[in-house]
Protein backbone atom coordinates (compact mmCIF):
# COMPACT_ATOMS: atom_id res chain seq x y z
CA PRO A 1 55.94 108.79 61.78
CA ARG A 2 59.45 109.69 62.79
CA ARG A 3 60.07 110.06 66.51
CA SER A 4 60.39 113.69 67.61
CA PRO A 5 63.65 114.85 69.21
CA VAL A 6 61.85 117.59 71.19
CA HIS A 7 58.94 117.06 73.59
CA ILE A 8 56.70 120.06 74.26
CA LEU A 9 54.62 120.36 77.41
CA SER A 10 52.20 123.28 77.61
CA ALA A 11 50.26 123.99 80.80
CA CYS A 12 46.68 125.14 80.39
CA ASN A 13 43.33 124.31 81.91
CA GLU A 14 41.51 125.31 78.70
CA TYR A 15 42.39 125.47 75.02
CA ARG A 16 42.31 128.77 73.17
CA GLN A 17 42.63 129.34 69.41
CA GLU A 18 46.29 130.11 69.99
CA THR A 19 46.76 126.69 71.65
CA LEU A 20 45.28 124.92 68.65
CA ILE A 21 47.66 126.83 66.39
CA LEU A 22 50.61 126.02 68.66
CA GLU A 23 49.70 122.32 68.60
CA ARG A 24 49.41 122.35 64.81
CA SER A 25 52.74 124.18 64.45
CA ALA A 26 54.35 121.49 66.63
CA GLU A 27 52.95 118.78 64.38
CA VAL A 28 54.11 120.50 61.18
CA HIS A 29 57.62 121.18 62.51
CA GLY A 30 58.22 117.74 64.02
CA TYR A 31 57.77 118.29 67.76
CA SER A 32 55.68 116.13 70.05
CA PHE A 33 53.06 118.14 71.95
CA GLN A 34 51.09 117.55 75.11
CA ALA A 35 48.82 119.98 76.94
CA VAL A 36 48.87 119.38 80.69
CA GLY A 37 46.21 120.40 83.21
CA LEU A 38 43.21 120.45 80.87
CA GLY A 39 39.93 120.67 82.75
CA GLN A 40 41.47 121.58 86.08
CA PRO A 41 40.12 124.62 87.95
CA PHE A 42 42.27 127.74 87.76
CA THR A 43 43.93 128.32 91.12
CA GLY A 44 46.40 131.07 90.22
CA VAL A 45 49.21 131.85 87.80
CA GLY A 46 51.56 129.75 89.90
CA MET A 47 49.68 126.54 89.13
CA LYS A 48 51.63 126.28 85.87
CA LEU A 49 54.77 125.06 87.62
CA PHE A 50 52.78 122.55 89.69
CA LEU A 51 51.25 121.13 86.50
CA TYR A 52 54.67 120.82 84.91
CA ASP A 53 56.10 119.19 88.03
CA THR A 54 53.40 116.51 88.07
CA ALA A 55 53.55 115.86 84.32
CA LEU A 56 57.34 115.62 84.14
CA LYS A 57 57.50 113.13 86.98
CA GLU A 58 54.87 110.99 85.22
CA LEU A 59 56.40 111.17 81.74
CA VAL A 60 60.18 111.35 82.07
CA GLY A 61 61.73 107.92 82.14
CA ARG A 62 58.57 106.42 80.66
CA GLN A 63 57.34 108.26 77.57
CA ILE A 64 60.21 110.76 77.46
CA PRO A 65 63.86 109.61 77.70
CA PRO A 66 65.76 111.66 80.33
CA ASN A 67 68.45 112.72 77.84
CA GLU A 68 66.06 114.12 75.20
CA ALA A 69 64.99 117.74 74.98
CA VAL A 70 61.88 119.00 76.74
CA LEU A 71 60.39 122.39 75.91
CA LEU A 72 57.92 124.09 78.27
CA LEU A 73 55.82 126.71 76.46
CA ASP A 74 52.99 128.97 77.53
CA ALA A 75 49.82 127.70 75.88
CA TRP A 76 47.95 130.87 74.93
CA ASP A 77 50.61 133.09 73.34
CA THR A 78 53.38 131.04 71.69
CA ILE A 79 53.94 129.67 68.18
CA LEU A 80 56.66 127.45 66.67
CA LEU A 81 58.35 128.79 63.55
CA GLY A 82 60.99 126.18 62.68
CA PRO A 83 61.85 122.48 62.76
CA ALA A 84 62.61 120.40 65.83
CA GLU A 85 65.91 119.28 64.28
CA GLU A 86 67.11 122.89 64.15
CA PHE A 87 65.98 123.40 67.74
CA VAL A 88 68.14 120.46 68.89
CA GLU A 89 71.10 121.61 66.78
CA LYS A 90 71.00 125.02 68.45
CA LEU A 91 70.79 123.44 71.92
CA HIS A 92 73.85 121.34 71.09
CA SER A 93 75.76 124.38 69.79
CA MET A 94 75.01 126.19 73.07
CA LYS A 95 76.01 123.06 75.09
CA ILE A 96 72.66 123.08 76.87
CA LEU A 97 72.11 119.34 76.47
CA SER A 98 75.68 118.17 77.04
CA GLU A 99 76.06 120.24 80.22
CA GLY A 100 72.62 119.47 81.63
CA ALA A 101 71.79 123.19 81.72
CA ILE A 102 68.50 125.06 81.52
CA LEU A 103 67.90 127.58 78.74
CA CYS A 104 65.23 130.22 79.30
CA GLY A 105 63.71 132.90 77.11
CA ALA A 106 64.86 136.44 77.87
CA ASP A 107 62.95 139.71 78.28
CA ARG A 108 63.81 143.39 77.89
CA ILE A 109 62.06 144.20 81.19
CA CYS A 110 62.53 142.51 84.57
CA ALA A 111 58.94 141.62 85.42
CA PRO A 112 57.00 141.47 87.64
CA GLU A 113 59.39 143.22 90.10
CA TYR A 114 61.21 145.98 88.21
CA LYS A 115 63.43 146.71 91.21
CA MET A 116 65.02 143.26 90.93
CA ALA A 117 66.66 144.25 87.63
CA PRO A 118 70.09 145.20 89.07
CA LYS A 119 70.35 141.84 90.86
CA MET A 120 69.48 139.93 87.71
CA GLU A 121 71.97 141.99 85.73
CA ARG A 122 74.70 141.08 88.22
CA TYR A 123 73.66 137.45 87.87
CA PHE A 124 74.24 137.67 84.10
CA PRO A 125 77.10 140.20 83.81
CA GLU A 126 78.23 138.82 80.45
CA ILE A 127 75.05 139.81 78.60
CA SER A 128 75.38 142.80 76.28
CA THR A 129 72.06 142.56 74.41
CA PRO A 130 68.80 144.19 75.62
CA TRP A 131 67.40 140.76 76.66
CA ARG A 132 68.76 140.34 80.18
CA TYR A 133 65.91 139.03 82.34
CA PRO A 134 64.29 135.57 82.56
CA ASN A 135 60.85 134.91 81.11
CA SER A 136 59.32 131.71 82.45
CA GLY A 137 57.09 131.17 79.40
CA CYS A 138 59.85 129.40 77.43
CA ILE A 139 62.11 126.90 79.21
CA THR A 140 64.12 124.04 77.72
CA GLY A 141 66.85 121.50 78.48
CA THR A 142 67.15 117.76 78.80
CA ALA A 143 64.11 116.08 80.32
CA ALA A 144 66.18 115.20 83.39
CA ALA A 145 67.48 118.76 83.83
CA VAL A 146 64.06 120.36 83.35
CA THR A 147 62.44 117.90 85.77
CA ALA A 148 65.01 118.72 88.46
CA PHE A 149 64.69 122.47 87.82
CA ILE A 150 60.90 122.52 88.03
CA HIS A 151 60.97 120.31 91.13
CA GLY A 152 63.30 122.82 92.75
CA LEU A 153 61.05 125.74 91.85
CA VAL A 154 57.95 124.03 93.25
CA HIS A 155 59.31 122.17 96.27
CA GLY A 156 62.65 123.79 97.08
CA THR A 157 63.16 126.34 99.84
CA GLU A 158 65.69 128.41 97.87
CA GLY A 159 64.18 131.88 97.63
CA GLY A 160 61.28 130.99 99.93
CA SER A 161 58.24 128.79 99.62
CA TYR A 162 55.99 128.72 96.56
CA GLY A 163 52.23 128.33 96.14
CA GLN A 164 49.77 128.23 93.26
CA GLN A 165 48.78 131.88 93.82
CA ASP A 166 52.40 133.05 93.53
CA ASP A 167 53.98 134.44 90.37
CA ASP A 168 55.98 131.75 88.55
CA GLN A 169 58.38 134.19 86.89
CA LEU A 170 59.18 135.95 90.17
CA ARG A 171 59.71 132.53 91.75
CA LEU A 172 62.24 131.61 89.07
CA GLN A 173 64.19 134.83 89.58
CA GLU A 174 64.24 134.55 93.37
CA PHE A 175 65.28 130.90 93.11
CA LEU A 176 68.32 131.75 90.98
CA LEU A 177 69.34 134.68 93.17
CA ASN A 178 69.13 132.58 96.33
CA TRP A 179 71.42 129.96 94.83
CA GLN A 180 73.87 132.74 93.96
CA GLU A 181 73.73 134.15 97.51
CA ARG A 182 74.74 130.70 98.77
CA GLY A 183 77.77 130.76 96.49
CA VAL A 184 76.39 128.34 93.90
CA ARG A 185 75.54 129.25 90.32
CA TYR A 186 72.69 127.13 89.02
CA PRO A 187 73.34 125.71 85.49
CA PHE A 188 70.94 128.18 83.90
CA GLN A 189 71.38 130.32 80.79
CA LEU A 190 69.36 133.06 79.15
CA ASP A 191 68.73 133.05 75.41
CA HIS A 192 69.95 136.63 75.34
CA GLU A 193 70.57 136.62 71.59
CA CYS A 194 67.05 135.35 70.79
CA CYS A 195 68.55 132.33 69.08
CA LEU A 196 65.60 130.10 69.98
CA PHE A 197 63.04 132.38 71.65
CA GLN A 198 61.74 135.79 70.59
CA ASN A 199 59.80 137.30 73.48
CA MET A 200 57.72 140.18 72.20
CA GLY A 201 57.20 142.43 75.19
CA GLU A 202 58.89 145.18 73.22
CA PRO A 203 58.34 148.91 72.69
CA GLU A 204 58.61 148.42 68.91
CA CYS A 205 58.96 145.68 66.34
CA GLY A 206 62.58 144.50 66.34
CA TRP A 207 62.37 141.70 63.78
CA ASP A 208 61.78 141.22 60.08
CA PHE A 209 59.28 138.85 58.48
CA GLU A 210 60.87 136.42 56.01
CA LEU A 211 58.58 134.51 53.67
CA GLU A 212 61.01 133.32 51.00
CA GLY A 213 62.36 130.21 52.78
CA PRO A 214 60.80 126.76 53.18
CA THR A 215 58.98 128.00 56.28
CA PRO A 216 57.95 131.57 57.20
CA ARG A 217 60.35 132.93 59.83
CA LEU A 218 61.32 135.94 61.89
CA ARG A 219 64.81 137.45 61.94
CA ASN A 220 65.91 139.47 64.95
CA ARG A 221 67.34 142.74 63.62
CA PHE A 222 69.80 143.14 66.51
CA THR A 223 71.34 139.65 66.58
CA GLN A 224 70.35 138.41 63.09
CA HIS A 225 69.19 135.10 64.58
CA GLN A 226 66.05 133.34 63.36
CA PRO A 227 64.24 132.31 66.55
CA LEU A 228 62.19 129.12 66.55
CA VAL A 229 59.54 130.29 69.02
CA ALA A 230 57.62 133.57 69.08
CA HIS A 231 56.15 134.45 72.48
CA GLY A 232 53.52 137.19 72.65
CA CYS A 233 53.98 137.94 76.35
CA GLY A 234 51.95 140.81 77.83
CA GLY A 235 49.81 143.33 76.01
CA HIS A 236 52.61 144.46 73.72
CA GLY A 237 53.50 140.86 72.94
CA ARG A 238 49.91 140.01 72.07
CA TRP A 239 49.85 142.97 69.67
CA PHE A 240 53.03 141.79 67.96
CA LEU A 241 51.96 138.12 67.97
CA SER A 242 48.86 139.08 66.01
CA ASP A 243 51.21 140.66 63.45
CA VAL A 244 53.25 137.44 63.32
CA TYR A 245 50.19 135.31 62.54
CA ARG A 246 49.13 137.73 59.82
CA GLU A 247 52.44 138.85 58.25
CA LEU A 248 53.82 135.30 58.06
CA ARG A 249 50.45 133.97 56.82
CA LEU A 250 50.72 131.22 59.40
CA LEU A 251 47.14 129.98 59.26
CA GLU A 252 47.58 129.40 55.54
CA PHE A 253 50.99 127.79 56.00
CA LEU A 254 49.66 125.51 58.75
CA ASP A 255 46.54 124.71 56.70
CA LEU A 256 44.18 126.01 59.37
CA ASP A 257 40.76 127.47 58.58
CA PRO A 258 39.85 130.51 60.72
CA ASP A 259 36.24 129.33 60.74
CA SER A 260 37.23 126.01 62.25
CA LEU A 261 39.11 127.85 65.02
CA SER A 262 36.19 130.17 65.79
CA THR A 263 34.40 127.54 67.91
CA VAL A 264 37.11 128.15 70.55
CA GLN A 265 37.75 131.44 72.35
CA TYR A 266 40.89 133.41 71.51
CA ALA A 267 43.30 134.80 74.13
CA GLY A 268 44.87 137.64 72.17
CA LEU A 269 43.67 141.15 71.41
CA VAL A 270 42.04 139.86 68.21
CA PRO A 271 41.51 136.39 66.71
CA PRO A 272 44.69 134.94 65.17
CA GLY A 273 45.03 136.16 61.61
CA ALA A 274 43.09 139.38 62.20
CA GLN A 275 44.74 142.81 62.25
CA VAL A 276 45.05 144.54 65.59
CA THR A 277 44.46 148.31 65.70
CA GLU A 278 44.36 151.06 68.30
CA GLU A 279 40.70 150.31 69.04
CA HIS A 280 41.74 146.91 70.40
CA TRP A 281 44.18 148.44 72.92
CA VAL A 282 41.69 148.43 75.79
CA ASN A 283 42.33 147.91 79.51
CA GLN A 284 46.01 148.41 78.75
CA PRO A 285 48.45 151.11 79.96
CA PRO A 286 49.68 153.78 77.55
CA TRP A 287 52.01 152.09 75.06
CA ASP A 288 55.31 153.47 76.38
CA PHE A 289 54.41 153.43 80.07
CA PRO A 290 55.82 150.00 81.11
CA PHE A 291 59.20 150.74 79.54
CA GLN A 292 59.37 154.26 81.00
CA ALA A 293 58.33 153.00 84.44
CA PHE A 294 60.92 150.22 84.29
CA GLU A 295 63.73 152.72 83.59
CA VAL A 296 62.61 154.89 86.54
CA ILE A 297 62.09 152.09 89.09
CA ARG A 298 65.00 149.82 88.21
């Protein structure tokens, strides 16, 4: 088989149905895929960065060339929608690889600390789309750049110390802001046009489903880009990710049998491929509440 130009690492201590689908989508679209941390006890949401730090230091320079692209994806709520070659082409067009920069998925809400929004907006004053805040579930760059970035998040003192019980997304934001306070801008960009990553923590569906091409895709209505990764972050994202599986007929496209997946637990509101309805919106805030609260607190 042809060598992949993009190497995916996905931190998880257990597989879910969504992880199996992610792994299959990587295979179909020409990415290499490796789950890291399987079987380890859960010690907190912050363990994800520690797992990446260990894996990158073991793999980069051995199995993964330092100049090739690495993609870090959350394991339980992401899916690949397009080929690895297109992913690399987009990174080149954004000069992520040539400049040794980090590219990160972008959110509409600054979570988990809403009040940090003005600081993040000042950090990215050039952004004019709604996606202005980092989401740590989708991170990419050269293997060397990603290794250095994750090492800094885990072991650096910029923005304070970091432990496995700490929030990885908050850590990333504080890290960037501390560099800025010291007069240095870290080589870090947000995918604010959803060119590669469509985070789905949204108040309403902002993309169209396109089935007529060689692969089923999304198209962002605001930017008209076709993102290569859909990320169902949060309750709203899980709702919309279930729509993505179903509307794009992804199990059929990926040649996956729902019965074969059913031996593994699912992480979403419903099993992938099933339709989510109001009855599945349990232990969640009222639909509009997070977006209304963000506007008040920010």
